[in-house]
């Protein structure tokens, strides 16, 4: 009888690993999202950092809550990306920056169909500001963690294109390669010390600048991977690594190193910009709320139930950003 729980444990572990690798891979990867939120905490001024450091574990661990919701509710997925290329070649410059203007021009249904990340970042910034005004520790932490996630997603080049996983160009798997594999292999050598948080005069325009910069980096993301693929056979491009108790197919370390080198610090720049913006947006929301005394909230508990970050919803299959490579 003692062997049955062990067998069940192994079975659950296998299912979890398989699902994580091939079905529900989050944006930037758990590792990078958590790293971005954690590093942003240490950019805050003394009036904020005591509260955020006290809850740094929550801010870090719950950086992935929006990804958990993506596969539970219909409305969540579009908040993580925007397919600028479907609006035309110059959309990155001509797309309306403000939500009402965009709705008037394209309709809300169209915007939801192709992603709303820059507008949603601004909306969550508003929610965080209101939480500060209300001195609501639970909501401050909830919206801070979520805001960090959406800002980070807006800084990923592959979150700005319909060809988000290379599925339209025969480069299937490039999404997880760029945003998960490379940070996990090389971010230990990145410089994440950026300086103190700064006030953002116009959060809506600022997040659009980040989206624009990310989108303009797309050419090299696809071009360099294609160039390397033409030089390296599959037995050099891919390898197998043990994840838990399962061998999974991944981009080889040689291929990853060559690609990372060709990108010339691109992944580091996008992570640095994410960290800077997260800290800046937290700080801006706090200032706009009147700079409330967060020290009074330090000891308040922020305990969330599972249902609070994974709302019940349709079983409709949402757009997925796969981490693995196509077998």
C-alpha atoms as a PDB file:
ATOM      1  CA  UNK A   1       0.000   0.000   0.000  1.00  0.00           C
ATOM      2  CA  UNK A   2       2.905   2.369   0.655  1.00  0.00           C
ATOM      3  CA  UNK A   3       3.925   2.213  -3.016  1.00  0.00           C
ATOM      4  CA  UNK A   4       0.622   3.654  -4.244  1.00  0.00           C
ATOM      5  CA  UNK A   5       1.207   7.220  -2.950  1.00  0.00           C
ATOM      6  CA  UNK A   6       4.704   7.117  -4.440  1.00  0.00           C
ATOM      7  CA  UNK A   7       3.348   6.055  -7.822  1.00  0.00           C
ATOM      8  CA  UNK A   8       0.729   8.787  -7.697  1.00  0.00           C
ATOM      9  CA  UNK A   9       3.364  11.355  -6.785  1.00  0.00           C
ATOM     10  CA  UNK A  10       5.555  10.360  -9.727  1.00  0.00           C
ATOM     11  CA  UNK A  11       2.554  10.457 -12.058  1.00  0.00           C
ATOM     12  CA  UNK A  12       1.545  13.953 -10.915  1.00  0.00           C
ATOM     13  CA  UNK A  13       5.137  15.159 -11.230  1.00  0.00           C
ATOM     14  CA  UNK A  14       5.390  13.811 -14.770  1.00  0.00           C
ATOM     15  CA  UNK A  15       2.110  15.431 -15.809  1.00  0.00           C
ATOM     16  CA  UNK A  16       3.144  18.749 -14.279  1.00  0.00           C
ATOM     17  CA  UNK A  17       6.499  18.800 -16.052  1.00  0.00           C
ATOM     18  CA  UNK A  18       5.001  17.737 -19.378  1.00  0.00           C
ATOM     19  CA  UNK A  19       2.280  20.385 -19.126  1.00  0.00           C
ATOM     20  CA  UNK A  20       4.752  23.097 -18.181  1.00  0.00           C
ATOM     21  CA  UNK A  21       7.049  22.333 -21.066  1.00  0.00           C
ATOM     22  CA  UNK A  22       4.604  21.881 -23.896  1.00  0.00           C
ATOM     23  CA  UNK A  23       1.299  23.499 -23.072  1.00  0.00           C
ATOM     24  CA  UNK A  24       1.203  26.266 -20.549  1.00  0.00           C
ATOM     25  CA  UNK A  25       4.517  28.033 -20.850  1.00  0.00           C
ATOM     26  CA  UNK A  26       4.162  31.570 -19.523  1.00  0.00           C
ATOM     27  CA  UNK A  27       5.548  34.760 -21.007  1.00  0.00           C
ATOM     28  CA  UNK A  28       9.203  35.569 -20.206  1.00  0.00           C
ATOM     29  CA  UNK A  29       9.193  32.331 -18.222  1.00  0.00           C
ATOM     30  CA  UNK A  30       8.599  32.016 -14.489  1.00  0.00           C
ATOM     31  CA  UNK A  31      12.262  32.688 -13.792  1.00  0.00           C
ATOM     32  CA  UNK A  32      12.509  35.979 -15.695  1.00  0.00           C
ATOM     33  CA  UNK A  33       9.159  37.398 -14.545  1.00  0.00           C
ATOM     34  CA  UNK A  34      10.054  36.739 -10.938  1.00  0.00           C
ATOM     35  CA  UNK A  35      13.545  38.174 -11.398  1.00  0.00           C
ATOM     36  CA  UNK A  36      12.143  41.360 -12.952  1.00  0.00           C
ATOM     37  CA  UNK A  37       9.662  41.976 -10.134  1.00  0.00           C
ATOM     38  CA  UNK A  38      12.217  41.214  -7.446  1.00  0.00           C
ATOM     39  CA  UNK A  39      14.889  43.518  -8.861  1.00  0.00           C
ATOM     40  CA  UNK A  40      12.357  46.331  -9.325  1.00  0.00           C
ATOM     41  CA  UNK A  41      11.713  46.377  -5.567  1.00  0.00           C
ATOM     42  CA  UNK A  42      15.258  47.540  -4.867  1.00  0.00           C
ATOM     43  CA  UNK A  43      14.833  50.626  -7.082  1.00  0.00           C
ATOM     44  CA  UNK A  44      12.180  52.116  -4.796  1.00  0.00           C
ATOM     45  CA  UNK A  45      12.722  55.087  -2.424  1.00  0.00           C
ATOM     46  CA  UNK A  46      12.954  54.531   1.358  1.00  0.00           C
ATOM     47  CA  UNK A  47       9.289  55.475   1.842  1.00  0.00           C
ATOM     48  CA  UNK A  48       8.246  52.542  -0.339  1.00  0.00           C
ATOM     49  CA  UNK A  49      11.019  49.987  -0.096  1.00  0.00           C
ATOM     50  CA  UNK A  50      10.358  49.006   3.512  1.00  0.00           C
ATOM     51  CA  UNK A  51       6.836  47.847   2.617  1.00  0.00           C
ATOM     52  CA  UNK A  52       7.897  46.187  -0.641  1.00  0.00           C
ATOM     53  CA  UNK A  53      10.919  44.447   0.894  1.00  0.00           C
ATOM     54  CA  UNK A  54       8.724  43.114   3.684  1.00  0.00           C
ATOM     55  CA  UNK A  55       6.525  41.537   1.004  1.00  0.00           C
ATOM     56  CA  UNK A  56       9.251  40.843  -1.556  1.00  0.00           C
ATOM     57  CA  UNK A  57       8.528  37.115  -1.525  1.00  0.00           C
ATOM     58  CA  UNK A  58       4.918  37.747  -2.471  1.00  0.00           C
ATOM     59  CA  UNK A  59       5.872  40.298  -5.161  1.00  0.00           C
ATOM     60  CA  UNK A  60       8.349  37.793  -6.588  1.00  0.00           C
ATOM     61  CA  UNK A  61       6.341  34.592  -6.450  1.00  0.00           C
ATOM     62  CA  UNK A  62       3.121  36.175  -7.688  1.00  0.00           C
ATOM     63  CA  UNK A  63       4.720  37.832 -10.682  1.00  0.00           C
ATOM     64  CA  UNK A  64       3.324  34.878 -12.645  1.00  0.00           C
ATOM     65  CA  UNK A  65      -0.317  35.209 -11.542  1.00  0.00           C
ATOM     66  CA  UNK A  66      -1.463  36.712 -14.861  1.00  0.00           C
ATOM     67  CA  UNK A  67      -0.014  33.693 -16.669  1.00  0.00           C
ATOM     68  CA  UNK A  68      -1.967  31.380 -14.406  1.00  0.00           C
ATOM     69  CA  UNK A  69      -5.146  33.263 -15.325  1.00  0.00           C
ATOM     70  CA  UNK A  70      -4.428  33.090 -19.055  1.00  0.00           C
ATOM     71  CA  UNK A  71      -5.573  29.491 -19.227  1.00  0.00           C
ATOM     72  CA  UNK A  72      -8.605  29.938 -16.984  1.00  0.00           C
ATOM     73  CA  UNK A  73     -10.453  32.994 -18.284  1.00  0.00           C
ATOM     74  CA  UNK A  74     -11.244  34.246 -21.779  1.00  0.00           C
ATOM     75  CA  UNK A  75     -10.460  37.907 -21.232  1.00  0.00           C
ATOM     76  CA  UNK A  76      -6.940  37.449 -19.840  1.00  0.00           C
ATOM     77  CA  UNK A  77      -4.906  36.366 -22.872  1.00  0.00           C
ATOM     78  CA  UNK A  78      -5.122  39.626 -24.909  1.00  0.00           C
ATOM     79  CA  UNK A  79      -3.656  41.542 -21.975  1.00  0.00           C
ATOM     80  CA  UNK A  80      -0.231  40.013 -22.626  1.00  0.00           C
ATOM     81  CA  UNK A  81       0.506  41.060 -26.211  1.00  0.00           C
ATOM     82  CA  UNK A  82      -0.394  43.207 -29.207  1.00  0.00           C
ATOM     83  CA  UNK A  83      -0.086  41.984 -32.803  1.00  0.00           C
ATOM     84  CA  UNK A  84       1.033  45.253 -34.339  1.00  0.00           C
ATOM     85  CA  UNK A  85       1.790  43.768 -37.749  1.00  0.00           C
ATOM     86  CA  UNK A  86      -1.886  43.026 -38.442  1.00  0.00           C
ATOM     87  CA  UNK A  87      -2.532  46.784 -38.442  1.00  0.00           C
ATOM     88  CA  UNK A  88       0.034  47.504 -41.164  1.00  0.00           C
ATOM     89  CA  UNK A  89       3.749  48.097 -41.584  1.00  0.00           C
ATOM     90  CA  UNK A  90       3.772  51.490 -39.859  1.00  0.00           C
ATOM     91  CA  UNK A  91       1.371  50.619 -37.046  1.00  0.00           C
ATOM     92  CA  UNK A  92       4.113  50.889 -34.433  1.00  0.00           C
ATOM     93  CA  UNK A  93       4.159  54.632 -35.173  1.00  0.00           C
ATOM     94  CA  UNK A  94       0.561  55.291 -36.216  1.00  0.00           C
ATOM     95  CA  UNK A  95      -1.451  53.137 -33.790  1.00  0.00           C
ATOM     96  CA  UNK A  96      -3.620  55.308 -31.500  1.00  0.00           C
ATOM     97  CA  UNK A  97      -1.940  55.496 -28.122  1.00  0.00           C
ATOM     98  CA  UNK A  98      -5.112  56.077 -26.113  1.00  0.00           C
ATOM     99  CA  UNK A  99      -7.812  53.446 -25.647  1.00  0.00           C
ATOM    100  CA  UNK A 100     -10.850  55.505 -26.656  1.00  0.00           C
ATOM    101  CA  UNK A 101      -9.126  56.673 -29.831  1.00  0.00           C
ATOM    102  CA  UNK A 102      -8.163  53.103 -30.689  1.00  0.00           C
ATOM    103  CA  UNK A 103     -11.693  51.803 -30.060  1.00  0.00           C
ATOM    104  CA  UNK A 104     -13.154  54.527 -32.258  1.00  0.00           C
ATOM    105  CA  UNK A 105     -10.798  53.622 -35.081  1.00  0.00           C
ATOM    106  CA  UNK A 106     -10.755  49.816 -34.904  1.00  0.00           C
ATOM    107  CA  UNK A 107     -13.588  48.692 -32.530  1.00  0.00           C
ATOM    108  CA  UNK A 108     -13.082  47.005 -29.174  1.00  0.00           C
ATOM    109  CA  UNK A 109     -13.638  43.525 -30.627  1.00  0.00           C
ATOM    110  CA  UNK A 110     -10.759  44.009 -33.051  1.00  0.00           C
ATOM    111  CA  UNK A 111      -8.438  45.308 -30.346  1.00  0.00           C
ATOM    112  CA  UNK A 112      -9.271  42.390 -28.068  1.00  0.00           C
ATOM    113  CA  UNK A 113      -8.667  39.955 -30.923  1.00  0.00           C
ATOM    114  CA  UNK A 114      -5.119  41.197 -31.504  1.00  0.00           C
ATOM    115  CA  UNK A 115      -4.017  42.155 -28.010  1.00  0.00           C
ATOM    116  CA  UNK A 116      -4.250  45.136 -25.658  1.00  0.00           C
ATOM    117  CA  UNK A 117      -1.106  45.019 -23.529  1.00  0.00           C
ATOM    118  CA  UNK A 118      -0.101  48.731 -23.717  1.00  0.00           C
ATOM    119  CA  UNK A 119      -3.574  49.908 -22.741  1.00  0.00           C
ATOM    120  CA  UNK A 120      -3.940  47.296 -20.042  1.00  0.00           C
ATOM    121  CA  UNK A 121      -0.653  48.354 -18.454  1.00  0.00           C
ATOM    122  CA  UNK A 122      -2.085  51.836 -18.077  1.00  0.00           C
ATOM    123  CA  UNK A 123      -5.330  50.466 -16.627  1.00  0.00           C
ATOM    124  CA  UNK A 124      -3.523  48.393 -13.987  1.00  0.00           C
ATOM    125  CA  UNK A 125      -1.428  51.462 -13.148  1.00  0.00           C
ATOM    126  CA  UNK A 126      -4.700  53.246 -12.412  1.00  0.00           C
ATOM    127  CA  UNK A 127      -5.870  50.304 -10.273  1.00  0.00           C
ATOM    128  CA  UNK A 128      -2.622  50.400  -8.298  1.00  0.00           C
ATOM    129  CA  UNK A 129      -2.967  54.153  -7.778  1.00  0.00           C
ATOM    130  CA  UNK A 130      -6.456  53.652  -6.357  1.00  0.00           C
ATOM    131  CA  UNK A 131      -5.177  50.879  -4.073  1.00  0.00           C
ATOM    132  CA  UNK A 132      -2.549  53.274  -2.700  1.00  0.00           C
ATOM    133  CA  UNK A 133      -5.213  55.928  -2.115  1.00  0.00           C
ATOM    134  CA  UNK A 134      -7.315  53.429  -0.180  1.00  0.00           C
ATOM    135  CA  UNK A 135      -4.322  52.154   1.852  1.00  0.00           C
ATOM    136  CA  UNK A 136      -5.316  48.644   0.821  1.00  0.00           C
ATOM    137  CA  UNK A 137      -2.212  46.503   1.343  1.00  0.00           C
ATOM    138  CA  UNK A 138      -3.727  43.444  -0.302  1.00  0.00           C
ATOM    139  CA  UNK A 139      -4.655  45.299  -3.487  1.00  0.00           C
ATOM    140  CA  UNK A 140      -1.353  47.176  -3.551  1.00  0.00           C
ATOM    141  CA  UNK A 141       0.512  43.891  -3.623  1.00  0.00           C
ATOM    142  CA  UNK A 142      -1.895  42.245  -6.065  1.00  0.00           C
ATOM    143  CA  UNK A 143      -1.736  45.079  -8.600  1.00  0.00           C
ATOM    144  CA  UNK A 144       1.990  45.622  -8.122  1.00  0.00           C
ATOM    145  CA  UNK A 145       2.707  41.986  -8.968  1.00  0.00           C
ATOM    146  CA  UNK A 146       0.325  42.047 -11.952  1.00  0.00           C
ATOM    147  CA  UNK A 147       1.631  45.349 -13.267  1.00  0.00           C
ATOM    148  CA  UNK A 148       5.184  44.040 -13.219  1.00  0.00           C
ATOM    149  CA  UNK A 149       4.086  41.087 -15.322  1.00  0.00           C
ATOM    150  CA  UNK A 150       2.278  43.107 -17.984  1.00  0.00           C
ATOM    151  CA  UNK A 151       5.086  45.662 -18.268  1.00  0.00           C
ATOM    152  CA  UNK A 152       7.602  42.868 -18.757  1.00  0.00           C
ATOM    153  CA  UNK A 153       5.434  41.281 -21.457  1.00  0.00           C
ATOM    154  CA  UNK A 154       5.193  44.610 -23.294  1.00  0.00           C
ATOM    155  CA  UNK A 155       9.000  44.643 -23.524  1.00  0.00           C
ATOM    156  CA  UNK A 156       9.238  41.284 -25.327  1.00  0.00           C
ATOM    157  CA  UNK A 157       9.618  41.616 -29.131  1.00  0.00           C
ATOM    158  CA  UNK A 158       7.656  38.424 -29.787  1.00  0.00           C
ATOM    159  CA  UNK A 159       4.701  39.861 -27.883  1.00  0.00           C
ATOM    160  CA  UNK A 160       4.255  42.463 -30.607  1.00  0.00           C
ATOM    161  CA  UNK A 161       3.689  40.202 -33.605  1.00  0.00           C
ATOM    162  CA  UNK A 162       1.175  37.720 -34.961  1.00  0.00           C
ATOM    163  CA  UNK A 163       4.164  35.448 -35.678  1.00  0.00           C
ATOM    164  CA  UNK A 164       4.667  35.181 -31.915  1.00  0.00           C
ATOM    165  CA  UNK A 165       6.185  31.696 -31.942  1.00  0.00           C
ATOM    166  CA  UNK A 166       7.724  31.633 -35.402  1.00  0.00           C
ATOM    167  CA  UNK A 167       4.803  29.513 -36.595  1.00  0.00           C
ATOM    168  CA  UNK A 168       4.438  31.596 -39.769  1.00  0.00           C
ATOM    169  CA  UNK A 169       8.106  31.423 -40.761  1.00  0.00           C
ATOM    170  CA  UNK A 170       9.089  27.853 -39.910  1.00  0.00           C
ATOM    171  CA  UNK A 171      10.773  28.942 -36.656  1.00  0.00           C
ATOM    172  CA  UNK A 172       8.408  27.224 -34.258  1.00  0.00           C
ATOM    173  CA  UNK A 173       9.607  27.425 -30.664  1.00  0.00           C
ATOM    174  CA  UNK A 174      11.488  30.722 -30.962  1.00  0.00           C
ATOM    175  CA  UNK A 175       9.265  32.369 -28.357  1.00  0.00           C
ATOM    176  CA  UNK A 176      10.314  30.216 -25.442  1.00  0.00           C
ATOM    177  CA  UNK A 177      13.870  30.172 -26.792  1.00  0.00           C
ATOM    178  CA  UNK A 178      14.224  33.965 -26.650  1.00  0.00           C
ATOM    179  CA  UNK A 179      12.318  34.726 -23.466  1.00  0.00           C
ATOM    180  CA  UNK A 180      13.019  31.648 -21.329  1.00  0.00           C
ATOM    181  CA  UNK A 181      16.010  29.646 -22.499  1.00  0.00           C
ATOM    182  CA  UNK A 182      18.338  32.619 -22.995  1.00  0.00           C
ATOM    183  CA  UNK A 183      17.553  34.389 -19.683  1.00  0.00           C
ATOM    184  CA  UNK A 184      17.903  31.141 -17.764  1.00  0.00           C
ATOM    185  CA  UNK A 185      21.305  30.475 -19.325  1.00  0.00           C
ATOM    186  CA  UNK A 186      22.826  33.961 -19.308  1.00  0.00           C
ATOM    187  CA  UNK A 187      21.020  36.411 -17.010  1.00  0.00           C
ATOM    188  CA  UNK A 188      23.393  35.668 -14.126  1.00  0.00           C
ATOM    189  CA  UNK A 189      25.867  37.871 -15.995  1.00  0.00           C
ATOM    190  CA  UNK A 190      23.416  40.689 -16.748  1.00  0.00           C
ATOM    191  CA  UNK A 191      23.716  44.087 -15.075  1.00  0.00           C
ATOM    192  CA  UNK A 192      20.437  44.699 -13.245  1.00  0.00           C
ATOM    193  CA  UNK A 193      21.563  47.639 -11.111  1.00  0.00           C
ATOM    194  CA  UNK A 194      19.741  50.511 -12.779  1.00  0.00           C
ATOM    195  CA  UNK A 195      19.383  53.264 -10.192  1.00  0.00           C
ATOM    196  CA  UNK A 196      16.514  54.856  -8.326  1.00  0.00           C
ATOM    197  CA  UNK A 197      12.927  54.798  -9.565  1.00  0.00           C
ATOM    198  CA  UNK A 198      11.826  57.862 -11.540  1.00  0.00           C
ATOM    199  CA  UNK A 199       8.454  59.500 -11.993  1.00  0.00           C
ATOM    200  CA  UNK A 200       6.735  58.847 -15.342  1.00  0.00           C
ATOM    201  CA  UNK A 201       4.906  61.892 -16.667  1.00  0.00           C
ATOM    202  CA  UNK A 202       2.656  59.972 -19.067  1.00  0.00           C
ATOM    203  CA  UNK A 203       2.412  56.257 -18.358  1.00  0.00           C
ATOM    204  CA  UNK A 204       0.340  55.546 -21.474  1.00  0.00           C
ATOM    205  CA  UNK A 205       2.861  57.077 -23.861  1.00  0.00           C
ATOM    206  CA  UNK A 206       5.805  55.551 -21.978  1.00  0.00           C
ATOM    207  CA  UNK A 207       4.548  51.985 -22.294  1.00  0.00           C
ATOM    208  CA  UNK A 208       3.967  52.546 -25.998  1.00  0.00           C
ATOM    209  CA  UNK A 209       7.614  53.573 -26.345  1.00  0.00           C
ATOM    210  CA  UNK A 210       8.578  50.241 -24.788  1.00  0.00           C
ATOM    211  CA  UNK A 211       6.274  48.367 -27.173  1.00  0.00           C
ATOM    212  CA  UNK A 212       7.722  50.291 -30.113  1.00  0.00           C
ATOM    213  CA  UNK A 213      11.308  49.493 -29.114  1.00  0.00           C
ATOM    214  CA  UNK A 214      10.421  45.829 -28.645  1.00  0.00           C
ATOM    215  CA  UNK A 215       8.697  45.655 -32.032  1.00  0.00           C
ATOM    216  CA  UNK A 216      11.617  47.283 -33.829  1.00  0.00           C
ATOM    217  CA  UNK A 217      13.870  44.528 -32.457  1.00  0.00           C
ATOM    218  CA  UNK A 218      11.849  41.795 -34.191  1.00  0.00           C
ATOM    219  CA  UNK A 219      13.883  41.750 -37.398  1.00  0.00           C
ATOM    220  CA  UNK A 220      17.026  40.580 -35.639  1.00  0.00           C
ATOM    221  CA  UNK A 221      15.087  38.083 -33.486  1.00  0.00           C
ATOM    222  CA  UNK A 222      13.935  36.188 -36.585  1.00  0.00           C
ATOM    223  CA  UNK A 223      16.858  36.939 -38.909  1.00  0.00           C
ATOM    224  CA  UNK A 224      19.635  35.714 -36.610  1.00  0.00           C
ATOM    225  CA  UNK A 225      17.811  32.530 -35.656  1.00  0.00           C
ATOM    226  CA  UNK A 226      17.282  31.749 -39.340  1.00  0.00           C
ATOM    227  CA  UNK A 227      20.931  32.435 -40.166  1.00  0.00           C
ATOM    228  CA  UNK A 228      22.127  30.086 -37.430  1.00  0.00           C
ATOM    229  CA  UNK A 229      19.628  27.389 -38.380  1.00  0.00           C
ATOM    230  CA  UNK A 230      21.030  27.375 -41.912  1.00  0.00           C
ATOM    231  CA  UNK A 231      24.520  26.787 -40.499  1.00  0.00           C
ATOM    232  CA  UNK A 232      23.745  24.196 -37.818  1.00  0.00           C
ATOM    233  CA  UNK A 233      22.192  20.800 -38.369  1.00  0.00           C
ATOM    234  CA  UNK A 234      19.440  19.678 -36.003  1.00  0.00           C
ATOM    235  CA  UNK A 235      21.835  17.509 -34.022  1.00  0.00           C
ATOM    236  CA  UNK A 236      23.760  20.685 -33.149  1.00  0.00           C
ATOM    237  CA  UNK A 237      20.763  22.991 -32.832  1.00  0.00           C
ATOM    238  CA  UNK A 238      18.877  20.815 -30.359  1.00  0.00           C
ATOM    239  CA  UNK A 239      19.804  18.713 -27.393  1.00  0.00           C
ATOM    240  CA  UNK A 240      18.109  16.874 -24.558  1.00  0.00           C
ATOM    241  CA  UNK A 241      18.110  17.983 -20.927  1.00  0.00           C
ATOM    242  CA  UNK A 242      16.676  16.413 -17.814  1.00  0.00           C
ATOM    243  CA  UNK A 243      13.827  18.428 -16.258  1.00  0.00           C
ATOM    244  CA  UNK A 244      12.689  16.698 -13.127  1.00  0.00           C
ATOM    245  CA  UNK A 245      12.571  13.054 -14.198  1.00  0.00           C
ATOM    246  CA  UNK A 246      11.826  13.778 -17.855  1.00  0.00           C
ATOM    247  CA  UNK A 247      14.193  14.339 -20.748  1.00  0.00           C
ATOM    248  CA  UNK A 248      12.979  17.279 -22.843  1.00  0.00           C
ATOM    249  CA  UNK A 249      14.098  18.609 -26.191  1.00  0.00           C
ATOM    250  CA  UNK A 250      15.701  22.070 -25.899  1.00  0.00           C
ATOM    251  CA  UNK A 251      17.855  24.415 -27.944  1.00  0.00           C
ATOM    252  CA  UNK A 252      21.443  23.303 -27.454  1.00  0.00           C
ATOM    253  CA  UNK A 253      23.883  25.358 -25.439  1.00  0.00           C
ATOM    254  CA  UNK A 254      26.072  25.897 -28.517  1.00  0.00           C
ATOM    255  CA  UNK A 255      23.152  27.200 -30.562  1.00  0.00           C
ATOM    256  CA  UNK A 256      21.913  29.305 -27.639  1.00  0.00           C
ATOM    257  CA  UNK A 257      25.339  30.848 -27.096  1.00  0.00           C
ATOM    258  CA  UNK A 258      25.752  31.718 -30.764  1.00  0.00           C
ATOM    259  CA  UNK A 259      22.279  33.249 -30.944  1.00  0.00           C
ATOM    260  CA  UNK A 260      22.732  35.181 -27.711  1.00  0.00           C
ATOM    261  CA  UNK A 261      26.015  36.585 -29.021  1.00  0.00           C
ATOM    262  CA  UNK A 262      24.463  37.626 -32.330  1.00  0.00           C
ATOM    263  CA  UNK A 263      21.658  39.449 -30.519  1.00  0.00           C
ATOM    264  CA  UNK A 264      24.310  41.673 -28.950  1.00  0.00           C
ATOM    265  CA  UNK A 265      22.758  42.147 -25.512  1.00  0.00           C
ATOM    266  CA  UNK A 266      19.169  42.448 -26.738  1.00  0.00           C
ATOM    267  CA  UNK A 267      17.671  40.172 -24.084  1.00  0.00           C
ATOM    268  CA  UNK A 268      19.570  41.969 -21.326  1.00  0.00           C
ATOM    269  CA  UNK A 269      18.375  45.356 -22.610  1.00  0.00           C
ATOM    270  CA  UNK A 270      14.737  44.245 -22.656  1.00  0.00           C
ATOM    271  CA  UNK A 271      15.017  42.800 -19.134  1.00  0.00           C
ATOM    272  CA  UNK A 272      16.735  45.949 -17.861  1.00  0.00           C
ATOM    273  CA  UNK A 273      14.062  48.128 -19.408  1.00  0.00           C
ATOM    274  CA  UNK A 274      11.392  45.943 -17.827  1.00  0.00           C
ATOM    275  CA  UNK A 275      12.955  46.293 -14.368  1.00  0.00           C
ATOM    276  CA  UNK A 276      13.321  50.046 -14.796  1.00  0.00           C
ATOM    277  CA  UNK A 277       9.734  50.497 -15.933  1.00  0.00           C
ATOM    278  CA  UNK A 278       8.243  48.303 -13.211  1.00  0.00           C
ATOM    279  CA  UNK A 279       9.956  50.316 -10.482  1.00  0.00           C
ATOM    280  CA  UNK A 280       9.096  53.591 -12.186  1.00  0.00           C
ATOM    281  CA  UNK A 281       5.414  52.687 -12.572  1.00  0.00           C
ATOM    282  CA  UNK A 282       5.073  51.529  -8.946  1.00  0.00           C
ATOM    283  CA  UNK A 283       6.686  54.779  -7.828  1.00  0.00           C
ATOM    284  CA  UNK A 284       4.506  56.885 -10.140  1.00  0.00           C
ATOM    285  CA  UNK A 285       1.302  55.257  -8.881  1.00  0.00           C
ATOM    286  CA  UNK A 286       2.367  55.933  -5.292  1.00  0.00           C
ATOM    287  CA  UNK A 287       3.185  59.597  -6.022  1.00  0.00           C
ATOM    288  CA  UNK A 288      -0.093  60.114  -7.886  1.00  0.00           C
ATOM    289  CA  UNK A 289      -1.934  58.658  -4.900  1.00  0.00           C
ATOM    290  CA  UNK A 290      -0.477  61.335  -2.632  1.00  0.00           C
ATOM    291  CA  UNK A 291       2.499  59.364  -1.296  1.00  0.00           C
ATOM    292  CA  UNK A 292       0.647  57.496   1.484  1.00  0.00           C
ATOM    293  CA  UNK A 293       2.609  56.181   4.471  1.00  0.00           C
ATOM    294  CA  UNK A 294       3.233  52.541   3.548  1.00  0.00           C
ATOM    295  CA  UNK A 295       5.009  51.828   6.830  1.00  0.00           C
ATOM    296  CA  UNK A 296       1.574  51.675   8.459  1.00  0.00           C
ATOM    297  CA  UNK A 297       0.694  48.771   6.173  1.00  0.00           C
ATOM    298  CA  UNK A 298       3.820  46.664   6.596  1.00  0.00           C
ATOM    299  CA  UNK A 299       2.385  44.195   9.062  1.00  0.00           C
ATOM    300  CA  UNK A 300      -0.895  43.690   7.215  1.00  0.00           C
ATOM    301  CA  UNK A 301      -1.262  40.198   5.849  1.00  0.00           C
ATOM    302  CA  UNK A 302      -2.020  39.676   2.166  1.00  0.00           C
ATOM    303  CA  UNK A 303      -3.287  36.126   1.963  1.00  0.00           C
ATOM    304  CA  UNK A 304      -4.851  35.146  -1.330  1.00  0.00           C
ATOM    305  CA  UNK A 305      -6.963  32.147  -2.112  1.00  0.00           C
ATOM    306  CA  UNK A 306      -6.412  30.259  -5.345  1.00  0.00           C
ATOM    307  CA  UNK A 307      -9.682  31.612  -6.716  1.00  0.00           C
ATOM    308  CA  UNK A 308      -8.473  35.186  -6.370  1.00  0.00           C
ATOM    309  CA  UNK A 309      -5.852  34.833  -9.067  1.00  0.00           C
ATOM    310  CA  UNK A 310      -7.323  31.975 -11.096  1.00  0.00           C
ATOM    311  CA  UNK A 311     -10.891  33.005 -11.733  1.00  0.00           C
ATOM    312  CA  UNK A 312     -13.344  30.429 -13.082  1.00  0.00           C
ATOM    313  CA  UNK A 313     -13.940  30.791 -16.801  1.00  0.00           C
ATOM    314  CA  UNK A 314     -14.439  29.157 -20.137  1.00  0.00           C
ATOM    315  CA  UNK A 315     -12.405  26.161 -21.207  1.00  0.00           C
ATOM    316  CA  UNK A 316     -11.833  27.857 -24.550  1.00  0.00           C
ATOM    317  CA  UNK A 317      -8.272  27.316 -25.770  1.00  0.00           C
ATOM    318  CA  UNK A 318      -6.320  30.555 -25.568  1.00  0.00           C
ATOM    319  CA  UNK A 319      -3.334  31.685 -27.563  1.00  0.00           C
ATOM    320  CA  UNK A 320      -0.317  29.846 -26.209  1.00  0.00           C
ATOM    321  CA  UNK A 321       3.327  30.895 -26.095  1.00  0.00           C
ATOM    322  CA  UNK A 322       5.030  27.520 -26.220  1.00  0.00           C
ATOM    323  CA  UNK A 323       8.320  26.988 -24.465  1.00  0.00           C
ATOM    324  CA  UNK A 324       9.503  23.805 -26.007  1.00  0.00           C
ATOM    325  CA  UNK A 325      10.431  23.015 -29.570  1.00  0.00           C
ATOM    326  CA  UNK A 326       8.267  21.180 -32.006  1.00  0.00           C
ATOM    327  CA  UNK A 327       9.079  17.467 -32.120  1.00  0.00           C
END
